[in-house]
Amino acid sequence: MARNRNLDWSVTARTFLVVTGRYWSAATYGGIGRGRTRPTPGLLVDFSAVLGVPAGDLAVLTGVTLPGAPPDPGPSAAGVAELIWDVRCLTARQLQQVIARAEAMRQ
């Protein structure tokens, strides 16, 4: 699902850090993607926030049991999944323009 959004392992790790505040190594995402690593409930919730798929649905697909109701991903996750999906359609030049604009807005 991350690859469908043009997120390689290292970009996935950085995206999850920015969105959730938690860091997992790029190799962890690769292991999960290849089916060699089973995601933890916390990581499953992080995937939910970044990919825009309900944590309960991901739990059913992966067989991971979530302890109780999934936590709210927080305000920084709002709209991230839609943004990631939409950005994949931009050209490299358009993406550079978006990055430049976002950096200018930070200042």
C-alpha atoms as a PDB file:
ATOM      1  CA  MET A   1       0.000   0.000   0.000  1.00  0.00           C
ATOM      2  CA  ALA A   2       2.900   2.361   0.670  1.00  0.00           C
ATOM      3  CA  ARG A   3       4.399   1.566  -2.736  1.00  0.00           C
ATOM      4  CA  ASN A   4       1.065   2.506  -4.380  1.00  0.00           C
ATOM      5  CA  ARG A   5       1.626   5.934  -2.864  1.00  0.00           C
ATOM      6  CA  ASN A   6       5.192   6.109  -4.225  1.00  0.00           C
ATOM      7  CA  LEU A   7       6.666   5.711  -0.739  1.00  0.00           C
ATOM      8  CA  ASP A   8       9.849   3.661  -0.628  1.00  0.00           C
ATOM      9  CA  TRP A   9      11.070   2.306   2.706  1.00  0.00           C
ATOM     10  CA  SER A  10      13.130   5.323   3.749  1.00  0.00           C
ATOM     11  CA  VAL A  11      10.443   7.813   2.710  1.00  0.00           C
ATOM     12  CA  THR A  12       7.895   5.713   4.584  1.00  0.00           C
ATOM     13  CA  ALA A  13      10.043   5.873   7.730  1.00  0.00           C
ATOM     14  CA  ARG A  14      10.387   9.663   7.472  1.00  0.00           C
ATOM     15  CA  THR A  15       6.681  10.119   6.731  1.00  0.00           C
ATOM     16  CA  PHE A  16       5.667   8.046   9.735  1.00  0.00           C
ATOM     17  CA  LEU A  17       8.040  10.062  11.937  1.00  0.00           C
ATOM     18  CA  VAL A  18       6.550  13.369  10.815  1.00  0.00           C
ATOM     19  CA  VAL A  19       2.935  12.199  11.025  1.00  0.00           C
ATOM     20  CA  THR A  20       3.028  10.059  14.170  1.00  0.00           C
ATOM     21  CA  GLY A  21       6.122  11.239  16.022  1.00  0.00           C
ATOM     22  CA  ARG A  22       7.440   7.676  16.138  1.00  0.00           C
ATOM     23  CA  TYR A  23      10.403   6.343  14.192  1.00  0.00           C
ATOM     24  CA  TRP A  24      10.707   2.830  12.841  1.00  0.00           C
ATOM     25  CA  SER A  25      13.651   1.867  10.644  1.00  0.00           C
ATOM     26  CA  ALA A  26      13.260   1.629   6.892  1.00  0.00           C
ATOM     27  CA  ALA A  27      14.176  -2.060   7.187  1.00  0.00           C
ATOM     28  CA  THR A  28      11.156  -2.597   9.445  1.00  0.00           C
ATOM     29  CA  TYR A  29       8.822  -1.333   6.722  1.00  0.00           C
ATOM     30  CA  GLY A  30      10.622  -3.492   4.174  1.00  0.00           C
ATOM     31  CA  GLY A  31      10.222  -6.550   6.381  1.00  0.00           C
ATOM     32  CA  ILE A  32       6.527  -5.871   6.787  1.00  0.00           C
ATOM     33  CA  GLY A  33       6.096  -5.303   3.056  1.00  0.00           C
ATOM     34  CA  ARG A  34       7.803  -8.618   2.266  1.00  0.00           C
ATOM     35  CA  GLY A  35       5.827 -10.444   4.944  1.00  0.00           C
ATOM     36  CA  ARG A  36       8.911 -11.254   7.040  1.00  0.00           C
ATOM     37  CA  THR A  37       8.029  -8.942   9.932  1.00  0.00           C
ATOM     38  CA  ARG A  38       4.678  -8.918  11.683  1.00  0.00           C
ATOM     39  CA  PRO A  39       3.513  -5.373  12.517  1.00  0.00           C
ATOM     40  CA  THR A  40       2.922  -4.466  16.144  1.00  0.00           C
ATOM     41  CA  PRO A  41      -0.454  -3.007  17.136  1.00  0.00           C
ATOM     42  CA  GLY A  42       1.197   0.427  17.452  1.00  0.00           C
ATOM     43  CA  LEU A  43       2.715   0.221  14.008  1.00  0.00           C
ATOM     44  CA  LEU A  44      -0.615  -0.927  12.602  1.00  0.00           C
ATOM     45  CA  VAL A  45      -2.238   2.226  14.028  1.00  0.00           C
ATOM     46  CA  ASP A  46       0.541   4.302  12.449  1.00  0.00           C
ATOM     47  CA  PHE A  47      -0.124   2.654   9.075  1.00  0.00           C
ATOM     48  CA  SER A  48      -3.784   3.484   9.522  1.00  0.00           C
ATOM     49  CA  ALA A  49      -3.019   7.181  10.008  1.00  0.00           C
ATOM     50  CA  VAL A  50      -0.630   7.441   7.058  1.00  0.00           C
ATOM     51  CA  LEU A  51      -2.537   5.269   4.585  1.00  0.00           C
ATOM     52  CA  GLY A  52      -6.054   6.349   5.492  1.00  0.00           C
ATOM     53  CA  VAL A  53      -7.265   2.815   6.145  1.00  0.00           C
ATOM     54  CA  PRO A  54      -9.150   2.124   9.393  1.00  0.00           C
ATOM     55  CA  ALA A  55      -6.945   0.342  11.946  1.00  0.00           C
ATOM     56  CA  GLY A  56      -9.652  -2.272  12.474  1.00  0.00           C
ATOM     57  CA  ASP A  57      -9.581  -3.172   8.775  1.00  0.00           C
ATOM     58  CA  LEU A  58      -5.789  -3.472   8.815  1.00  0.00           C
ATOM     59  CA  ALA A  59      -6.027  -5.638  11.945  1.00  0.00           C
ATOM     60  CA  VAL A  60      -8.360  -8.046  10.148  1.00  0.00           C
ATOM     61  CA  LEU A  61      -6.121  -8.171   7.071  1.00  0.00           C
ATOM     62  CA  THR A  62      -2.929  -8.767   9.075  1.00  0.00           C
ATOM     63  CA  GLY A  63      -4.285 -10.873  11.931  1.00  0.00           C
ATOM     64  CA  VAL A  64      -2.865  -8.412  14.463  1.00  0.00           C
ATOM     65  CA  THR A  65      -5.020  -7.925  17.543  1.00  0.00           C
ATOM     66  CA  LEU A  66      -5.565  -4.334  18.588  1.00  0.00           C
ATOM     67  CA  PRO A  67      -5.825  -3.831  22.363  1.00  0.00           C
ATOM     68  CA  GLY A  68      -9.137  -1.983  22.690  1.00  0.00           C
ATOM     69  CA  ALA A  69     -10.163   0.909  20.506  1.00  0.00           C
ATOM     70  CA  PRO A  70      -7.360   2.294  18.331  1.00  0.00           C
ATOM     71  CA  PRO A  71      -5.997   5.610  19.621  1.00  0.00           C
ATOM     72  CA  ASP A  72      -6.745   8.837  17.812  1.00  0.00           C
ATOM     73  CA  PRO A  73      -3.815   9.491  15.442  1.00  0.00           C
ATOM     74  CA  GLY A  74      -3.813  13.174  16.372  1.00  0.00           C
ATOM     75  CA  PRO A  75      -4.219  16.408  14.459  1.00  0.00           C
ATOM     76  CA  SER A  76      -1.028  16.074  12.420  1.00  0.00           C
ATOM     77  CA  ALA A  77      -2.457  12.997  10.701  1.00  0.00           C
ATOM     78  CA  ALA A  78      -5.626  14.729   9.477  1.00  0.00           C
ATOM     79  CA  GLY A  79      -5.644  14.753   5.692  1.00  0.00           C
ATOM     80  CA  VAL A  80      -2.191  13.177   5.354  1.00  0.00           C
ATOM     81  CA  ALA A  81      -3.443  10.064   3.567  1.00  0.00           C
ATOM     82  CA  GLU A  82      -5.317  12.154   0.993  1.00  0.00           C
ATOM     83  CA  LEU A  83      -2.326  14.432   0.492  1.00  0.00           C
ATOM     84  CA  ILE A  84       0.032  11.497  -0.043  1.00  0.00           C
ATOM     85  CA  TRP A  85      -2.402   9.965  -2.554  1.00  0.00           C
ATOM     86  CA  ASP A  86      -2.774  13.232  -4.483  1.00  0.00           C
ATOM     87  CA  VAL A  87       0.940  14.113  -4.510  1.00  0.00           C
ATOM     88  CA  ARG A  88       1.828  10.891  -6.308  1.00  0.00           C
ATOM     89  CA  CYS A  89       0.235  12.372  -9.457  1.00  0.00           C
ATOM     90  CA  LEU A  90       2.576  15.382  -9.580  1.00  0.00           C
ATOM     91  CA  THR A  91       5.589  15.637 -11.843  1.00  0.00           C
ATOM     92  CA  ALA A  92       9.023  16.031 -10.252  1.00  0.00           C
ATOM     93  CA  ARG A  93       9.008  19.741 -11.138  1.00  0.00           C
ATOM     94  CA  GLN A  94       5.566  20.265  -9.625  1.00  0.00           C
ATOM     95  CA  LEU A  95       6.631  18.455  -6.476  1.00  0.00           C
ATOM     96  CA  GLN A  96       9.718  20.672  -6.185  1.00  0.00           C
ATOM     97  CA  GLN A  97       7.443  23.715  -6.419  1.00  0.00           C
ATOM     98  CA  VAL A  98       5.190  22.345  -3.673  1.00  0.00           C
ATOM     99  CA  ILE A  99       8.209  21.701  -1.432  1.00  0.00           C
ATOM    100  CA  ALA A 100       9.570  25.191  -2.031  1.00  0.00           C
ATOM    101  CA  ARG A 101       6.187  26.731  -1.214  1.00  0.00           C
ATOM    102  CA  ALA A 102       5.819  24.647   1.968  1.00  0.00           C
ATOM    103  CA  GLU A 103       9.305  25.631   3.131  1.00  0.00           C
ATOM    104  CA  ALA A 104       8.531  29.309   2.462  1.00  0.00           C
ATOM    105  CA  MET A 105       5.309  29.011   4.475  1.00  0.00           C
ATOM    106  CA  ARG A 106       7.242  27.604   7.455  1.00  0.00           C
ATOM    107  CA  GLN A 107       9.319  30.762   7.673  1.00  0.00           C
END
